[in-house]
């Protein structure tokens, strides 16, 4: 994908990771599903954030979170991925771990000629995200090929 501000530059896989990371952070902070954040941003804004990721990654993540929450008028919800049964889940995956899970899934399922913003919106809209974000089960720890196949099957 070409950078929307500098068309001679390419958006990188690291830029994709950064945007997934920020979506995860914001979703957790607001107690919203990831797809809420991605959908509120929309395709064009995601493309802009991907294009700015190489600069934004050096900013304070809390400041970036706050900026995006204000910019996209995001609101609090009640979907708390950290609300788990301690008998089933002894440790919650970090935002960086989940960003890597989503980045790998986006890359593994990306269609020919599909750009990152479209792939982000498509993956986060998938019903398997509810399972991936349910830390009472181990779906997020499954190997990437298994998660990819589950995506194509529509369920784990």
N, C-alpha and C. Protein backbone atom coordinates (compact mmCIF):
# COMPACT_ATOMS: atom_id res chain seq x y z
N UNK A 1 0.84 -1.18 0.00
CA UNK A 1 0.00 0.00 0.00
C UNK A 1 0.89 1.24 0.00
N UNK A 2 0.49 2.21 -0.77
CA UNK A 2 1.21 3.48 -0.83
C UNK A 2 0.80 4.38 0.34
N UNK A 3 1.76 5.10 0.85
CA UNK A 3 1.51 6.11 1.88
C UNK A 3 0.62 7.19 1.26
N UNK A 4 -0.46 7.56 1.95
CA UNK A 4 -1.39 8.54 1.37
C UNK A 4 -0.82 9.95 1.33
N UNK A 5 0.18 10.22 2.18
CA UNK A 5 0.78 11.55 2.21
C UNK A 5 2.03 11.64 1.35
N UNK A 6 2.73 10.54 1.23
CA UNK A 6 3.96 10.47 0.44
C UNK A 6 3.88 9.24 -0.46
N UNK A 7 3.23 9.37 -1.62
CA UNK A 7 2.97 8.22 -2.49
C UNK A 7 4.20 7.44 -2.94
N UNK A 8 5.39 8.05 -2.81
CA UNK A 8 6.60 7.31 -3.18
C UNK A 8 7.01 6.32 -2.08
N UNK A 9 6.39 6.44 -0.89
CA UNK A 9 6.70 5.56 0.23
C UNK A 9 5.63 4.48 0.36
N UNK A 10 6.07 3.33 0.84
CA UNK A 10 5.15 2.22 1.10
C UNK A 10 4.83 2.15 2.58
N UNK A 11 3.61 1.78 2.89
CA UNK A 11 3.24 1.46 4.27
C UNK A 11 3.79 0.07 4.54
N UNK A 12 4.40 -0.10 5.70
CA UNK A 12 5.09 -1.36 6.01
C UNK A 12 4.25 -2.25 6.93
N UNK A 13 4.72 -3.47 7.10
CA UNK A 13 4.11 -4.40 8.03
C UNK A 13 4.21 -3.85 9.46
N UNK A 14 5.29 -3.16 9.78
CA UNK A 14 5.42 -2.55 11.11
C UNK A 14 4.37 -1.46 11.31
N UNK A 15 4.02 -0.75 10.26
CA UNK A 15 2.96 0.25 10.35
C UNK A 15 1.61 -0.42 10.64
N UNK A 16 1.38 -1.54 9.98
CA UNK A 16 0.17 -2.33 10.22
C UNK A 16 0.13 -2.78 11.67
N UNK A 17 1.24 -3.28 12.17
CA UNK A 17 1.32 -3.72 13.57
C UNK A 17 0.99 -2.56 14.51
N UNK A 18 1.55 -1.39 14.25
CA UNK A 18 1.31 -0.23 15.12
C UNK A 18 -0.18 0.11 15.18
N UNK A 19 -0.85 0.12 14.05
CA UNK A 19 -2.27 0.46 14.03
C UNK A 19 -3.08 -0.61 14.77
N UNK A 20 -2.74 -1.87 14.58
CA UNK A 20 -3.42 -2.94 15.32
C UNK A 20 -3.20 -2.78 16.83
N UNK A 21 -1.99 -2.41 17.19
CA UNK A 21 -1.64 -2.18 18.59
C UNK A 21 -2.47 -1.04 19.18
N UNK A 22 -2.58 0.04 18.46
CA UNK A 22 -3.35 1.18 18.96
C UNK A 22 -4.84 0.85 19.03
N UNK A 23 -5.36 0.13 18.06
CA UNK A 23 -6.77 -0.28 18.10
C UNK A 23 -7.00 -1.13 19.35
N UNK A 24 -6.09 -2.04 19.62
CA UNK A 24 -6.20 -2.91 20.80
C UNK A 24 -6.16 -2.09 22.09
N UNK A 25 -5.22 -1.17 22.18
CA UNK A 25 -5.09 -0.33 23.38
C UNK A 25 -6.35 0.49 23.62
N UNK A 26 -6.84 1.11 22.57
CA UNK A 26 -8.02 1.97 22.70
C UNK A 26 -9.25 1.13 23.06
N UNK A 27 -9.41 -0.01 22.40
CA UNK A 27 -10.55 -0.88 22.69
C UNK A 27 -10.54 -1.32 24.15
N UNK A 28 -9.38 -1.69 24.66
CA UNK A 28 -9.30 -2.08 26.07
C UNK A 28 -9.59 -0.90 26.99
N UNK A 29 -9.03 0.24 26.67
CA UNK A 29 -9.22 1.43 27.52
C UNK A 29 -10.69 1.82 27.60
N UNK A 30 -11.39 1.75 26.47
CA UNK A 30 -12.79 2.15 26.41
C UNK A 30 -13.77 1.02 26.70
N UNK A 31 -13.23 -0.20 26.87
CA UNK A 31 -14.08 -1.38 27.06
C UNK A 31 -15.06 -1.54 25.88
N UNK A 32 -14.45 -1.56 24.71
CA UNK A 32 -15.19 -1.73 23.46
C UNK A 32 -14.52 -2.85 22.66
N UNK A 33 -15.25 -3.50 21.77
CA UNK A 33 -14.60 -4.47 20.87
C UNK A 33 -13.71 -3.73 19.87
N UNK A 34 -12.70 -4.42 19.38
CA UNK A 34 -11.78 -3.82 18.40
C UNK A 34 -12.52 -3.30 17.17
N UNK A 35 -13.54 -4.04 16.74
CA UNK A 35 -14.25 -3.61 15.52
C UNK A 35 -14.94 -2.27 15.72
N UNK A 36 -15.34 -1.96 16.95
CA UNK A 36 -15.94 -0.64 17.22
C UNK A 36 -14.95 0.47 16.89
N UNK A 37 -13.73 0.30 17.35
CA UNK A 37 -12.69 1.31 17.12
C UNK A 37 -12.39 1.41 15.63
N UNK A 38 -12.16 0.27 14.99
CA UNK A 38 -11.83 0.26 13.56
C UNK A 38 -12.96 0.86 12.72
N UNK A 39 -14.19 0.47 13.01
CA UNK A 39 -15.33 0.99 12.24
C UNK A 39 -15.54 2.48 12.46
N UNK A 40 -15.31 2.94 13.69
CA UNK A 40 -15.47 4.37 13.98
C UNK A 40 -14.43 5.19 13.22
N UNK A 41 -13.25 4.62 13.04
CA UNK A 41 -12.21 5.32 12.29
C UNK A 41 -12.54 5.33 10.80
N UNK A 42 -12.94 4.21 10.29
CA UNK A 42 -13.26 4.10 8.87
C UNK A 42 -12.02 3.90 8.00
N UNK A 43 -12.25 3.50 6.78
CA UNK A 43 -11.18 3.13 5.87
C UNK A 43 -10.18 4.26 5.63
N UNK A 44 -10.66 5.44 5.29
CA UNK A 44 -9.77 6.54 4.94
C UNK A 44 -8.91 6.99 6.12
N UNK A 45 -9.50 7.02 7.31
CA UNK A 45 -8.73 7.42 8.48
C UNK A 45 -7.72 6.36 8.89
N UNK A 46 -8.08 5.10 8.72
CA UNK A 46 -7.12 4.02 8.99
C UNK A 46 -5.95 4.15 8.02
N UNK A 47 -6.24 4.45 6.76
CA UNK A 47 -5.17 4.64 5.77
C UNK A 47 -4.24 5.78 6.19
N UNK A 48 -4.81 6.84 6.72
CA UNK A 48 -3.99 7.97 7.18
C UNK A 48 -3.13 7.56 8.37
N UNK A 49 -3.72 6.84 9.32
CA UNK A 49 -2.95 6.42 10.50
C UNK A 49 -1.85 5.44 10.11
N UNK A 50 -2.11 4.57 9.16
CA UNK A 50 -1.07 3.67 8.66
C UNK A 50 0.07 4.48 8.03
N UNK A 51 -0.29 5.52 7.32
CA UNK A 51 0.71 6.36 6.65
C UNK A 51 1.52 7.20 7.63
N UNK A 52 0.96 7.46 8.79
CA UNK A 52 1.66 8.24 9.82
C UNK A 52 2.30 7.37 10.89
N UNK A 53 2.11 6.08 10.82
CA UNK A 53 2.55 5.17 11.88
C UNK A 53 4.05 5.26 12.15
N UNK A 54 4.85 5.46 11.12
CA UNK A 54 6.30 5.50 11.34
C UNK A 54 6.71 6.69 12.22
N UNK A 55 5.86 7.72 12.27
CA UNK A 55 6.11 8.87 13.14
C UNK A 55 5.39 8.67 14.47
N UNK A 56 4.14 8.21 14.42
CA UNK A 56 3.34 8.06 15.63
C UNK A 56 3.89 7.04 16.61
N UNK A 57 4.61 6.05 16.09
CA UNK A 57 5.12 5.01 17.00
C UNK A 57 6.14 5.56 18.00
N UNK A 58 6.70 6.72 17.72
CA UNK A 58 7.67 7.31 18.65
C UNK A 58 7.00 8.24 19.67
N UNK A 59 5.70 8.44 19.52
CA UNK A 59 4.94 9.27 20.46
C UNK A 59 4.57 8.44 21.69
N UNK A 60 4.17 9.12 22.74
CA UNK A 60 3.68 8.45 23.94
C UNK A 60 2.37 7.74 23.57
N UNK A 61 2.28 6.41 23.76
CA UNK A 61 1.05 5.69 23.38
C UNK A 61 -0.20 6.21 24.09
N UNK A 62 -0.06 6.66 25.32
CA UNK A 62 -1.23 7.21 26.03
C UNK A 62 -1.74 8.48 25.35
N UNK A 63 -0.82 9.29 24.86
CA UNK A 63 -1.21 10.51 24.15
C UNK A 63 -1.86 10.16 22.82
N UNK A 64 -1.31 9.18 22.11
CA UNK A 64 -1.91 8.76 20.84
C UNK A 64 -3.31 8.21 21.09
N UNK A 65 -3.46 7.39 22.12
CA UNK A 65 -4.79 6.88 22.49
C UNK A 65 -5.77 8.02 22.67
N UNK A 66 -5.40 8.96 23.52
CA UNK A 66 -6.29 10.09 23.82
C UNK A 66 -6.63 10.89 22.57
N UNK A 67 -5.62 11.12 21.73
CA UNK A 67 -5.85 11.87 20.49
C UNK A 67 -6.86 11.15 19.60
N UNK A 68 -6.69 9.83 19.43
CA UNK A 68 -7.59 9.08 18.57
C UNK A 68 -8.99 9.01 19.17
N UNK A 69 -9.08 8.85 20.48
CA UNK A 69 -10.40 8.81 21.14
C UNK A 69 -11.14 10.12 20.89
N UNK A 70 -10.43 11.23 21.04
CA UNK A 70 -11.05 12.54 20.80
C UNK A 70 -11.36 12.74 19.31
N UNK A 71 -10.40 12.41 18.48
CA UNK A 71 -10.54 12.63 17.03
C UNK A 71 -11.73 11.87 16.44
N UNK A 72 -11.97 10.66 16.92
CA UNK A 72 -13.04 9.83 16.36
C UNK A 72 -14.26 9.77 17.28
N UNK A 73 -14.25 10.63 18.32
CA UNK A 73 -15.39 10.73 19.22
C UNK A 73 -15.83 9.36 19.75
N UNK A 74 -14.85 8.58 20.22
CA UNK A 74 -15.10 7.23 20.71
C UNK A 74 -15.63 7.29 22.14
N UNK A 75 -16.53 6.38 22.47
CA UNK A 75 -17.14 6.40 23.79
C UNK A 75 -16.90 5.10 24.55
N UNK A 76 -17.10 5.19 25.87
CA UNK A 76 -16.96 4.04 26.76
C UNK A 76 -18.03 3.01 26.45
N UNK A 77 -17.67 1.75 26.69
CA UNK A 77 -18.62 0.66 26.54
C UNK A 77 -18.56 -0.24 27.76
N UNK A 78 -18.97 -1.47 27.59
CA UNK A 78 -18.97 -2.42 28.71
C UNK A 78 -18.31 -3.75 28.32
N UNK A 79 -17.65 -3.78 27.18
CA UNK A 79 -17.02 -5.00 26.67
C UNK A 79 -15.58 -5.05 27.19
N UNK A 80 -15.40 -5.64 28.36
CA UNK A 80 -14.09 -5.65 29.00
C UNK A 80 -13.41 -7.00 28.79
N UNK A 81 -12.44 -7.04 27.89
CA UNK A 81 -11.74 -8.30 27.60
C UNK A 81 -10.93 -8.79 28.80
N UNK A 82 -10.67 -7.90 29.74
CA UNK A 82 -9.88 -8.29 30.92
C UNK A 82 -10.74 -8.88 32.03
N UNK A 83 -12.04 -8.91 31.83
CA UNK A 83 -12.95 -9.50 32.81
C UNK A 83 -13.02 -11.00 32.54
N UNK A 84 -12.12 -11.75 33.19
CA UNK A 84 -11.99 -13.18 32.92
C UNK A 84 -12.19 -13.98 34.21
N UNK A 85 -12.44 -15.25 34.02
CA UNK A 85 -12.52 -16.17 35.15
C UNK A 85 -11.09 -16.56 35.53
N UNK A 86 -10.64 -16.23 36.74
CA UNK A 86 -9.26 -16.51 37.12
C UNK A 86 -8.90 -18.00 37.11
N UNK A 87 -9.92 -18.85 37.17
CA UNK A 87 -9.64 -20.30 37.10
C UNK A 87 -9.35 -20.73 35.66
N UNK A 88 -9.86 -20.00 34.71
CA UNK A 88 -9.66 -20.34 33.31
C UNK A 88 -8.52 -19.56 32.67
N UNK A 89 -8.25 -18.39 33.19
CA UNK A 89 -7.24 -17.52 32.59
C UNK A 89 -6.36 -16.93 33.69
N UNK A 90 -5.13 -17.40 33.73
CA UNK A 90 -4.23 -16.91 34.77
C UNK A 90 -3.45 -15.68 34.33
N UNK A 91 -3.34 -15.47 33.03
CA UNK A 91 -2.69 -14.25 32.55
C UNK A 91 -3.35 -13.80 31.24
N UNK A 92 -3.57 -12.52 31.17
CA UNK A 92 -4.21 -11.92 30.00
C UNK A 92 -3.13 -11.53 29.01
N UNK A 93 -3.32 -11.83 27.72
CA UNK A 93 -2.30 -11.41 26.74
C UNK A 93 -2.19 -9.89 26.71
N UNK A 94 -1.00 -9.42 26.45
CA UNK A 94 -0.76 -7.99 26.40
C UNK A 94 -1.32 -7.40 25.10
N UNK A 95 -1.38 -6.09 25.07
CA UNK A 95 -1.83 -5.42 23.85
C UNK A 95 -0.87 -5.71 22.69
N UNK A 96 0.41 -5.80 22.99
CA UNK A 96 1.37 -6.09 21.91
C UNK A 96 1.19 -7.52 21.40
N UNK A 97 0.92 -8.46 22.31
CA UNK A 97 0.69 -9.84 21.87
C UNK A 97 -0.54 -9.94 20.96
N UNK A 98 -1.62 -9.28 21.36
CA UNK A 98 -2.83 -9.35 20.55
C UNK A 98 -2.68 -8.58 19.24
N UNK A 99 -1.93 -7.50 19.25
CA UNK A 99 -1.67 -6.78 18.00
C UNK A 99 -0.94 -7.69 17.01
N UNK A 100 -0.02 -8.50 17.52
CA UNK A 100 0.71 -9.44 16.65
C UNK A 100 -0.22 -10.51 16.11
N UNK A 101 -1.14 -11.00 16.94
CA UNK A 101 -2.11 -12.01 16.49
C UNK A 101 -2.94 -11.43 15.34
N UNK A 102 -3.44 -10.23 15.52
CA UNK A 102 -4.27 -9.61 14.48
C UNK A 102 -3.46 -9.25 13.25
N UNK A 103 -2.26 -8.75 13.44
CA UNK A 103 -1.40 -8.43 12.28
C UNK A 103 -1.16 -9.68 11.44
N UNK A 104 -0.82 -10.78 12.10
CA UNK A 104 -0.57 -12.02 11.36
C UNK A 104 -1.82 -12.51 10.64
N UNK A 105 -2.97 -12.38 11.30
CA UNK A 105 -4.22 -12.81 10.66
C UNK A 105 -4.55 -11.93 9.46
N UNK A 106 -4.35 -10.66 9.59
CA UNK A 106 -4.59 -9.74 8.47
C UNK A 106 -3.68 -10.09 7.29
N UNK A 107 -2.41 -10.31 7.56
CA UNK A 107 -1.46 -10.63 6.50
C UNK A 107 -1.77 -11.99 5.86
N UNK A 108 -2.16 -12.95 6.68
CA UNK A 108 -2.42 -14.30 6.17
C UNK A 108 -3.69 -14.37 5.32
N UNK A 109 -4.63 -13.47 5.58
CA UNK A 109 -5.91 -13.52 4.85
C UNK A 109 -6.05 -12.39 3.83
N UNK A 110 -5.02 -11.57 3.72
CA UNK A 110 -5.10 -10.43 2.81
C UNK A 110 -5.27 -10.92 1.37
N UNK A 111 -6.24 -10.36 0.70
CA UNK A 111 -6.53 -10.74 -0.68
C UNK A 111 -5.62 -9.97 -1.63
N UNK A 112 -5.41 -10.52 -2.79
CA UNK A 112 -4.62 -9.84 -3.80
C UNK A 112 -5.22 -8.47 -4.07
N UNK A 113 -4.36 -7.47 -4.10
CA UNK A 113 -4.77 -6.08 -4.36
C UNK A 113 -5.56 -5.45 -3.21
N UNK A 114 -5.80 -6.17 -2.12
CA UNK A 114 -6.50 -5.59 -0.98
C UNK A 114 -5.50 -4.78 -0.16
N UNK A 115 -5.86 -3.57 0.17
CA UNK A 115 -4.98 -2.72 0.96
C UNK A 115 -5.24 -2.94 2.44
N UNK A 116 -4.26 -2.56 3.25
CA UNK A 116 -4.34 -2.78 4.70
C UNK A 116 -5.62 -2.25 5.35
N UNK A 117 -6.07 -1.04 5.04
CA UNK A 117 -7.29 -0.55 5.73
C UNK A 117 -8.49 -1.47 5.50
N UNK A 118 -8.64 -1.95 4.26
CA UNK A 118 -9.76 -2.84 3.95
C UNK A 118 -9.59 -4.17 4.68
N UNK A 119 -8.37 -4.67 4.73
CA UNK A 119 -8.11 -5.93 5.43
C UNK A 119 -8.35 -5.80 6.93
N UNK A 120 -7.95 -4.67 7.51
CA UNK A 120 -8.18 -4.43 8.93
C UNK A 120 -9.68 -4.46 9.22
N UNK A 121 -10.46 -3.72 8.46
CA UNK A 121 -11.90 -3.67 8.68
C UNK A 121 -12.55 -5.04 8.49
N UNK A 122 -12.09 -5.78 7.49
CA UNK A 122 -12.64 -7.11 7.21
C UNK A 122 -12.35 -8.07 8.37
N UNK A 123 -11.11 -8.09 8.82
CA UNK A 123 -10.73 -9.04 9.89
C UNK A 123 -11.43 -8.69 11.19
N UNK A 124 -11.42 -7.42 11.58
CA UNK A 124 -12.05 -7.05 12.85
C UNK A 124 -13.56 -7.26 12.83
N UNK A 125 -14.17 -7.31 11.65
CA UNK A 125 -15.61 -7.56 11.54
C UNK A 125 -15.93 -9.05 11.64
N UNK A 126 -14.93 -9.90 11.59
CA UNK A 126 -15.14 -11.34 11.61
C UNK A 126 -15.66 -11.82 12.96
N UNK A 127 -16.60 -12.77 12.94
CA UNK A 127 -17.10 -13.32 14.21
C UNK A 127 -16.02 -14.02 15.03
N UNK A 128 -14.93 -14.48 14.42
CA UNK A 128 -13.92 -15.18 15.22
C UNK A 128 -13.19 -14.23 16.17
N UNK A 129 -13.31 -12.94 15.93
CA UNK A 129 -12.67 -11.98 16.84
C UNK A 129 -13.26 -12.07 18.25
N UNK A 130 -14.54 -12.39 18.34
CA UNK A 130 -15.15 -12.57 19.66
C UNK A 130 -14.47 -13.72 20.40
N UNK A 131 -14.12 -14.77 19.68
CA UNK A 131 -13.44 -15.90 20.29
C UNK A 131 -11.99 -15.55 20.61
N UNK A 132 -11.32 -14.89 19.67
CA UNK A 132 -9.92 -14.48 19.92
C UNK A 132 -9.82 -13.58 21.15
N UNK A 133 -10.81 -12.72 21.34
CA UNK A 133 -10.79 -11.77 22.45
C UNK A 133 -11.41 -12.32 23.72
N UNK A 134 -11.82 -13.57 23.70
CA UNK A 134 -12.32 -14.23 24.91
C UNK A 134 -11.14 -14.97 25.53
N UNK A 135 -10.54 -14.35 26.52
CA UNK A 135 -9.32 -14.92 27.12
C UNK A 135 -9.60 -16.05 28.08
N UNK A 136 -10.88 -16.42 28.26
CA UNK A 136 -11.21 -17.62 29.04
C UNK A 136 -10.95 -18.88 28.23
N UNK A 137 -10.76 -18.72 26.94
CA UNK A 137 -10.38 -19.85 26.09
C UNK A 137 -8.98 -19.57 25.55
N UNK A 138 -8.42 -20.50 24.84
CA UNK A 138 -7.03 -20.35 24.41
C UNK A 138 -6.88 -20.03 22.94
N UNK A 139 -7.92 -19.54 22.30
CA UNK A 139 -7.87 -19.31 20.85
C UNK A 139 -6.72 -18.40 20.45
N UNK A 140 -6.45 -17.37 21.24
CA UNK A 140 -5.40 -16.41 20.89
C UNK A 140 -4.00 -17.03 20.96
N UNK A 141 -3.86 -18.16 21.66
CA UNK A 141 -2.57 -18.85 21.75
C UNK A 141 -2.37 -19.90 20.65
N UNK A 142 -3.39 -20.13 19.88
CA UNK A 142 -3.28 -21.14 18.82
C UNK A 142 -2.27 -20.68 17.77
N UNK A 143 -1.65 -21.63 17.08
CA UNK A 143 -0.71 -21.25 16.01
C UNK A 143 -1.42 -20.44 14.92
N UNK A 144 -0.68 -19.53 14.33
CA UNK A 144 -1.26 -18.66 13.29
C UNK A 144 -1.98 -19.41 12.18
N UNK A 145 -1.42 -20.52 11.65
CA UNK A 145 -2.16 -21.23 10.60
C UNK A 145 -3.53 -21.74 11.06
N UNK A 146 -3.61 -22.14 12.32
CA UNK A 146 -4.90 -22.60 12.86
C UNK A 146 -5.88 -21.43 12.98
N UNK A 147 -5.41 -20.30 13.44
CA UNK A 147 -6.27 -19.11 13.53
C UNK A 147 -6.74 -18.69 12.13
N UNK A 148 -5.83 -18.74 11.17
CA UNK A 148 -6.19 -18.40 9.79
C UNK A 148 -7.25 -19.34 9.24
N UNK A 149 -7.07 -20.64 9.46
CA UNK A 149 -8.06 -21.60 8.99
C UNK A 149 -9.40 -21.40 9.69
N UNK A 150 -9.34 -21.07 10.97
CA UNK A 150 -10.58 -20.79 11.71
C UNK A 150 -11.29 -19.57 11.13
N UNK A 151 -10.51 -18.57 10.73
CA UNK A 151 -11.09 -17.38 10.10
C UNK A 151 -11.86 -17.80 8.84
N UNK A 152 -11.23 -18.61 8.01
CA UNK A 152 -11.88 -19.04 6.77
C UNK A 152 -13.10 -19.93 7.04
N UNK A 153 -13.03 -20.72 8.14
CA UNK A 153 -14.16 -21.57 8.51
C UNK A 153 -15.27 -20.79 9.20
N UNK A 154 -14.95 -19.61 9.72
CA UNK A 154 -15.93 -18.78 10.40
C UNK A 154 -16.10 -19.10 11.87
N UNK A 155 -15.30 -20.05 12.37
CA UNK A 155 -15.38 -20.44 13.79
C UNK A 155 -14.17 -21.29 14.15
N UNK A 156 -13.91 -21.37 15.45
CA UNK A 156 -12.83 -22.25 15.93
C UNK A 156 -13.34 -23.63 16.13
